[in-house]
Amino acid sequence: MSTSRRTLLGAALGGASTAAVGLSATPAHAASWQLKWSPSAWSDGLRAFETVEDDRADSHPAGAPHIRPEGDNWRFTMHTVDRDTATDRQRQEVTGLRTSAGYLKWLPGQTWRVTYSMYIPSSLKATTTFTHIMQMKQPGTGSSPIVVQSLRRVGGDQTIELQLPVSGILVGRTPLDPLHDRWTDVDFQIKVGDGTSGSVRWILKSGGTTLIDKSRTGVDTFLDDRVRPKWGIYRSLGDTSDSLRDCHLLLTALRGYQLV
């Protein structure tokens, strides 16, 4: 990763290092973020993740692999011909945080944080239906997402947003255009909790500028078993804005922390 990318990511971390969601400004104990996951694309590759969902329906073998390491980055490629097992949508995603000791489990009462940088080219557009580039879910099929970071058209404008579908809450939304064709630092924090015992914080920075910093407390961030992150491109084919293109997403400097 270039020096400039490391500098930007360091700024994103420093700007929120003391602002854990769901905690008072003066905690009774000296809780701190402990680094639990720090994979490298060039050395760990796809072994950094618990599972890889690359063209599950084998719809486009000629385009494989759709998910691969590329230098210091993980690249997710989506072609307009790609189809998931549900043929009304497309999915190229990875799940989970794998370490040498196994994968990390996010459980009720725990507070976790992931930071990374993402590159969204202008070909990856917001759509009138869902286009998710990060999700938090219960493992297994058929369950609703708990958190989604999505590219959505609102009144014709392209935006990026964070929603909590289980709670029916929009955490925040900001224009997508300033993120296109450049690196953006993401800092996402979650306290895993059922009912109203959960909380989240979502920060996006680009070029040293904070684009959005939104938090919600007293929200539902748990369904069952555990919470597992997902990254990649997962989008509906029902878009009515003619925004579906061959595209890709790049991620780098993925880090996972637990508040202990």
Protein backbone atom coordinates (compact mmCIF):
# COMPACT_ATOMS: atom_id res chain seq x y z
CA MET A 1 0.00 0.00 0.00
CA SER A 2 1.30 3.47 -0.86
CA THR A 3 2.44 5.95 1.79
CA SER A 4 -0.50 8.23 1.00
CA ARG A 5 -3.00 5.43 1.65
CA ARG A 6 -1.35 4.62 4.99
CA THR A 7 -1.47 8.29 5.98
CA LEU A 8 -5.16 8.61 5.18
CA LEU A 9 -6.03 5.46 7.06
CA GLY A 10 -4.02 6.59 10.06
CA ALA A 11 -5.99 9.82 10.13
CA ALA A 12 -9.24 7.90 10.05
CA LEU A 13 -8.17 5.75 12.97
CA GLY A 14 -6.87 8.64 15.03
CA GLY A 15 -10.01 10.68 14.56
CA ALA A 16 -12.23 8.11 16.21
CA SER A 17 -9.94 6.09 18.47
CA THR A 18 -11.51 7.39 21.68
CA ALA A 19 -15.11 7.50 20.54
CA ALA A 20 -16.39 3.96 21.00
CA VAL A 21 -20.10 3.60 20.39
CA GLY A 22 -22.25 2.79 23.37
CA LEU A 23 -19.67 4.03 25.88
CA SER A 24 -19.54 7.12 28.04
CA ALA A 25 -16.76 9.66 27.51
CA THR A 26 -15.20 8.66 30.85
CA PRO A 27 -15.56 4.87 31.18
CA ALA A 28 -15.10 3.27 34.58
CA HIS A 29 -12.34 1.05 33.20
CA ALA A 30 -9.60 1.70 30.69
CA ALA A 31 -11.21 -0.02 27.72
CA SER A 32 -9.21 0.12 24.52
CA TRP A 33 -9.33 -1.17 20.96
CA GLN A 34 -7.31 -4.36 20.58
CA LEU A 35 -6.21 -5.34 17.07
CA LYS A 36 -7.55 -8.84 16.31
CA TRP A 37 -7.38 -9.05 12.51
CA SER A 38 -4.91 -7.49 10.08
CA PRO A 39 -4.73 -9.51 6.86
CA SER A 40 -2.65 -8.66 3.82
CA ALA A 41 -4.05 -9.10 0.34
CA TRP A 42 -0.68 -10.01 -1.18
CA SER A 43 0.29 -12.56 1.50
CA ASP A 44 -3.05 -13.87 2.85
CA GLY A 45 -5.19 -13.48 -0.24
CA LEU A 46 -8.67 -14.95 0.16
CA ARG A 47 -7.53 -16.89 3.25
CA ALA A 48 -8.25 -13.64 5.12
CA PHE A 49 -11.98 -14.49 5.06
CA GLU A 50 -14.23 -17.15 6.48
CA THR A 51 -16.02 -17.84 3.17
CA VAL A 52 -15.84 -16.64 -0.44
CA GLU A 53 -19.03 -16.32 -2.51
CA ASP A 54 -17.66 -16.06 -6.05
CA ASP A 55 -20.30 -16.73 -8.74
CA ARG A 56 -22.16 -19.27 -6.61
CA ALA A 57 -24.42 -20.19 -9.56
CA ASP A 58 -21.46 -20.68 -11.95
CA SER A 59 -23.17 -18.20 -14.26
CA HIS A 60 -20.02 -16.72 -15.82
CA PRO A 61 -17.01 -19.06 -15.68
CA ALA A 62 -15.19 -16.99 -18.30
CA GLY A 63 -15.09 -14.08 -15.85
CA ALA A 64 -13.59 -16.07 -12.99
CA PRO A 65 -12.19 -15.34 -10.57
CA HIS A 66 -14.51 -12.48 -9.77
CA ILE A 67 -12.89 -12.04 -6.34
CA ARG A 68 -9.11 -12.02 -6.10
CA PRO A 69 -6.13 -10.29 -4.50
CA GLU A 70 -4.55 -7.64 -6.70
CA GLY A 71 -1.34 -6.29 -5.19
CA ASP A 72 -2.23 -4.77 -1.82
CA ASN A 73 -5.94 -4.79 -2.65
CA TRP A 74 -8.82 -7.22 -2.76
CA ARG A 75 -10.72 -6.80 -6.03
CA PHE A 76 -14.42 -7.64 -6.50
CA THR A 77 -15.45 -7.66 -10.18
CA MET A 78 -19.08 -7.62 -11.30
CA HIS A 79 -20.17 -8.15 -14.89
CA THR A 80 -23.67 -7.38 -16.07
CA VAL A 81 -24.06 -11.04 -17.10
CA ASP A 82 -23.25 -12.39 -13.62
CA ARG A 83 -26.14 -14.00 -11.73
CA ASP A 84 -26.52 -15.30 -8.20
CA THR A 85 -28.43 -18.47 -7.31
CA ALA A 86 -31.45 -16.14 -7.05
CA THR A 87 -31.46 -14.94 -10.65
CA ASP A 88 -32.96 -11.51 -9.94
CA ARG A 89 -29.70 -10.37 -8.31
CA GLN A 90 -25.90 -10.50 -8.43
CA ARG A 91 -23.46 -11.37 -5.65
CA GLN A 92 -19.67 -11.40 -5.36
CA GLU A 93 -18.91 -11.27 -1.62
CA VAL A 94 -16.60 -12.50 1.12
CA THR A 95 -17.61 -13.10 4.72
CA GLY A 96 -16.00 -13.16 8.14
CA LEU A 97 -12.64 -12.38 9.70
CA ARG A 98 -10.26 -15.34 9.60
CA THR A 99 -7.05 -15.53 11.61
CA SER A 100 -4.44 -18.27 12.10
CA ALA A 101 -6.50 -19.45 15.09
CA GLY A 102 -9.80 -19.55 13.18
CA TYR A 103 -12.51 -16.98 12.49
CA LEU A 104 -13.58 -14.26 14.90
CA LYS A 105 -17.06 -14.44 16.41
CA TRP A 106 -18.97 -11.24 17.14
CA LEU A 107 -21.27 -12.00 20.08
CA PRO A 108 -23.88 -10.10 22.13
CA GLY A 109 -22.34 -7.62 24.57
CA GLN A 110 -19.15 -7.27 22.52
CA THR A 111 -18.07 -4.11 20.68
CA TRP A 112 -16.21 -4.48 17.39
CA ARG A 113 -14.69 -2.14 14.86
CA VAL A 114 -13.54 -2.58 11.26
CA THR A 115 -11.49 -0.04 9.35
CA TYR A 116 -10.43 -0.19 5.72
CA SER A 117 -10.06 1.84 2.56
CA MET A 118 -12.30 1.36 -0.47
CA TYR A 119 -12.05 2.51 -4.06
CA ILE A 120 -15.39 2.93 -5.83
CA PRO A 121 -14.96 3.59 -9.58
CA SER A 122 -17.57 5.70 -11.36
CA SER A 123 -18.76 2.51 -13.10
CA LEU A 124 -20.08 1.24 -9.74
CA LYS A 125 -23.17 3.39 -9.49
CA ALA A 126 -26.00 3.82 -7.02
CA THR A 127 -29.24 2.13 -8.04
CA THR A 128 -32.96 2.49 -7.39
CA THR A 129 -33.01 -0.95 -5.80
CA PHE A 130 -30.39 -2.41 -3.47
CA THR A 131 -26.65 -2.29 -4.12
CA HIS A 132 -24.84 -3.30 -0.93
CA ILE A 133 -21.06 -3.07 -0.55
CA MET A 134 -20.91 -4.10 3.12
CA GLN A 135 -23.33 -6.12 5.24
CA MET A 136 -23.54 -7.47 8.79
CA LYS A 137 -25.59 -10.67 8.97
CA GLN A 138 -26.32 -13.78 10.98
CA PRO A 139 -24.53 -16.70 9.28
CA GLY A 140 -26.74 -18.95 7.21
CA THR A 141 -29.25 -18.41 4.42
CA GLY A 142 -32.57 -16.64 4.51
CA SER A 143 -31.92 -14.20 7.36
CA SER A 144 -32.34 -10.44 7.09
CA PRO A 145 -29.25 -8.21 7.09
CA ILE A 146 -28.59 -6.41 10.36
CA VAL A 147 -26.52 -3.57 8.85
CA VAL A 148 -26.06 -2.55 5.19
CA GLN A 149 -23.76 0.02 3.62
CA SER A 150 -25.42 0.70 0.29
CA LEU A 151 -25.27 2.77 -2.90
CA ARG A 152 -28.80 4.11 -3.40
CA ARG A 153 -30.51 6.57 -5.74
CA VAL A 154 -32.56 9.12 -3.80
CA GLY A 155 -34.57 11.55 -5.88
CA GLY A 156 -32.32 10.71 -8.81
CA ASP A 157 -29.13 11.54 -6.89
CA GLN A 158 -26.43 8.96 -6.15
CA THR A 159 -25.79 8.46 -2.43
CA ILE A 160 -24.03 6.10 -0.06
CA GLU A 161 -25.89 5.21 3.12
CA LEU A 162 -25.88 3.05 6.22
CA GLN A 163 -29.12 1.40 7.26
CA LEU A 164 -30.19 -0.96 10.06
CA PRO A 165 -32.88 -3.05 8.36
CA VAL A 166 -33.79 -5.00 11.53
CA SER A 167 -34.52 -1.72 13.34
CA GLY A 168 -35.82 0.06 10.24
CA ILE A 169 -33.38 2.94 10.80
CA LEU A 170 -31.37 5.07 8.39
CA VAL A 171 -28.16 5.91 10.27
CA GLY A 172 -26.88 8.36 7.68
CA ARG A 173 -26.54 9.21 4.01
CA THR A 174 -24.11 11.33 1.99
CA PRO A 175 -23.53 12.02 -1.75
CA LEU A 176 -21.66 9.30 -3.63
CA ASP A 177 -20.09 11.52 -6.30
CA PRO A 178 -17.24 12.75 -4.01
CA LEU A 179 -16.27 9.09 -3.41
CA HIS A 180 -16.10 8.04 -7.05
CA ASP A 181 -12.67 7.27 -8.53
CA ARG A 182 -10.76 7.89 -5.31
CA TRP A 183 -9.90 6.13 -2.06
CA THR A 184 -12.24 6.53 0.91
CA ASP A 185 -11.49 5.46 4.49
CA VAL A 186 -14.23 3.59 6.35
CA ASP A 187 -14.46 3.29 10.15
CA PHE A 188 -17.41 1.19 11.29
CA GLN A 189 -18.14 0.33 14.91
CA ILE A 190 -20.85 -1.90 16.33
CA LYS A 191 -21.95 -2.94 19.78
CA VAL A 192 -23.70 -6.27 19.32
CA GLY A 193 -26.96 -6.21 21.22
CA ASP A 194 -30.54 -7.48 20.97
CA GLY A 195 -33.59 -5.26 21.21
CA THR A 196 -32.37 -1.80 22.17
CA SER A 197 -28.96 -2.77 23.57
CA GLY A 198 -26.95 -2.29 20.39
CA SER A 199 -25.26 0.71 18.82
CA VAL A 200 -23.31 1.68 15.69
CA ARG A 201 -21.02 4.42 14.45
CA TRP A 202 -20.19 5.04 10.77
CA ILE A 203 -17.42 7.34 9.56
CA LEU A 204 -16.27 8.04 5.99
CA LYS A 205 -13.19 10.15 5.24
CA SER A 206 -11.53 11.09 1.98
CA GLY A 207 -8.39 13.15 1.49
CA GLY A 208 -8.36 14.02 5.19
CA THR A 209 -11.93 15.37 5.03
CA THR A 210 -14.72 13.79 7.06
CA LEU A 211 -17.66 13.17 4.73
CA ILE A 212 -19.98 11.72 7.34
CA ASP A 213 -19.81 10.69 11.02
CA LYS A 214 -23.09 9.29 12.34
CA SER A 215 -23.97 7.19 15.40
CA ARG A 216 -27.09 5.48 16.69
CA THR A 217 -27.62 3.93 20.11
CA GLY A 218 -30.50 1.91 21.52
CA VAL A 219 -30.85 -0.16 18.35
CA ASP A 220 -31.12 -3.86 17.48
CA THR A 221 -27.86 -5.27 16.10
CA PHE A 222 -28.38 -8.98 16.74
CA LEU A 223 -30.64 -11.73 15.40
CA ASP A 224 -29.21 -15.09 16.50
CA ASP A 225 -25.95 -17.04 16.80
CA ARG A 226 -23.47 -14.23 15.97
CA VAL A 227 -22.87 -11.24 13.71
CA ARG A 228 -20.66 -11.76 10.65
CA PRO A 229 -19.41 -9.00 8.31
CA LYS A 230 -19.58 -9.26 4.52
CA TRP A 231 -17.90 -7.20 1.82
CA GLY A 232 -18.20 -7.06 -1.94
CA ILE A 233 -20.91 -6.20 -4.46
CA TYR A 234 -24.45 -7.49 -3.92
CA ARG A 235 -27.05 -5.83 -6.10
CA SER A 236 -30.53 -6.24 -7.50
CA LEU A 237 -31.20 -6.43 -11.23
CA GLY A 238 -34.41 -4.44 -10.69
CA ASP A 239 -32.73 -1.05 -11.10
CA THR A 240 -34.78 1.41 -13.16
CA SER A 241 -32.09 4.10 -13.61
CA ASP A 242 -29.97 2.30 -16.22
CA SER A 243 -27.08 2.22 -13.73
CA LEU A 244 -25.93 -1.39 -13.99
CA ARG A 245 -22.49 -1.59 -15.59
CA ASP A 246 -19.49 -3.90 -15.60
CA CYS A 247 -17.67 -2.61 -12.55
CA HIS A 248 -15.45 -3.45 -9.62
CA LEU A 249 -14.71 -2.53 -6.01
CA LEU A 250 -11.28 -2.42 -4.35
CA LEU A 251 -10.64 -2.86 -0.62
CA THR A 252 -7.34 -2.54 1.22
CA ALA A 253 -5.88 -2.26 4.74
CA LEU A 254 -8.68 -4.26 6.36
CA ARG A 255 -8.39 -4.22 10.16
CA GLY A 256 -10.60 -5.66 12.89
CA TYR A 257 -10.56 -4.49 16.53
CA GLN A 258 -12.41 -5.52 19.68
CA LEU A 259 -13.05 -3.16 22.58
CA VAL A 260 -11.68 -4.89 25.70
